[in-house]
Amino acid sequence: MKALHVVSNNAVIVRTEEGRKCVVTGKGLGFKKARGDIINKKLIQNVFVEDQRYKERIIIKTE
């Protein structure tokens, strides 16, 4: 997983090997990390995955 944006020391927005965007959290996960850095999977405690179906419904309803 590559870091796209470091939210805090404990949360990072990443792009997975499959190309999906996720928010991962874990103790010290984002400490001294920058965009493009590889995130250690052993430190990840939670993974929040973007749901494309929900996003598409929101776009359809707002048009």
Protein backbone atom coordinates (compact mmCIF):
# COMPACT_ATOMS: atom_id res chain seq x y z
CA MET A 1 0.00 0.00 0.00
CA LYS A 2 1.29 3.42 -0.97
CA ALA A 3 0.46 6.55 1.01
CA LEU A 4 -1.58 9.16 -0.85
CA HIS A 5 -2.14 11.51 2.09
CA VAL A 6 -1.07 11.39 5.72
CA VAL A 7 -4.06 12.49 7.80
CA SER A 8 -2.34 12.10 11.19
CA ASN A 9 0.20 9.94 13.00
CA ASN A 10 -2.49 7.26 13.20
CA ALA A 11 -4.41 7.57 9.89
CA VAL A 12 -3.30 7.47 6.24
CA ILE A 13 -5.18 7.49 2.94
CA VAL A 14 -3.62 4.81 0.73
CA ARG A 15 -3.91 3.20 -2.71
CA THR A 16 -3.91 -0.60 -2.56
CA GLU A 17 -2.18 -2.92 -5.00
CA GLU A 18 -5.58 -3.41 -6.70
CA GLY A 19 -5.93 0.36 -7.17
CA ARG A 20 -8.63 0.93 -4.53
CA LYS A 21 -8.51 3.98 -2.28
CA CYS A 22 -8.72 3.24 1.47
CA VAL A 23 -8.23 4.91 4.82
CA VAL A 24 -6.08 2.83 7.15
CA THR A 25 -5.54 3.44 10.84
CA GLY A 26 -3.13 2.09 13.41
CA LYS A 27 -0.88 3.27 16.20
CA GLY A 28 1.92 5.38 14.70
CA LEU A 29 1.03 4.33 11.15
CA GLY A 30 1.57 7.78 9.62
CA PHE A 31 4.50 8.87 11.79
CA LYS A 32 7.27 10.33 9.56
CA LYS A 33 5.50 9.13 6.40
CA ALA A 34 5.05 11.14 3.20
CA ARG A 35 3.17 10.72 -0.07
CA GLY A 36 4.44 7.68 -1.96
CA ASP A 37 5.86 5.89 1.08
CA ILE A 38 5.02 2.22 1.57
CA ILE A 39 2.83 1.51 4.61
CA ASN A 40 3.77 -1.41 6.86
CA LYS A 41 0.77 -3.78 6.81
CA LYS A 42 1.68 -5.15 10.26
CA LEU A 43 0.81 -1.77 11.83
CA ILE A 44 -2.68 -1.56 10.28
CA GLN A 45 -5.53 -2.04 12.77
CA ASN A 46 -8.52 -0.83 10.68
CA VAL A 47 -9.20 -0.49 6.94
CA PHE A 48 -12.02 1.69 5.58
CA VAL A 49 -12.75 1.08 1.88
CA GLU A 50 -14.50 3.53 -0.45
CA ASP A 51 -17.84 2.20 -1.71
CA GLN A 52 -18.29 3.16 -5.38
CA ARG A 53 -21.98 2.19 -5.37
CA TYR A 54 -22.74 4.73 -2.61
CA LYS A 55 -20.76 7.42 -4.42
CA GLU A 56 -22.66 6.79 -7.67
CA ARG A 57 -26.03 7.04 -5.88
CA ILE A 58 -25.08 10.40 -4.41
CA ILE A 59 -24.04 11.75 -7.82
CA ILE A 60 -27.26 10.55 -9.45
CA LYS A 61 -29.46 12.11 -6.76
CA THR A 62 -27.73 15.51 -6.88
CA GLU A 63 -27.96 16.01 -10.66
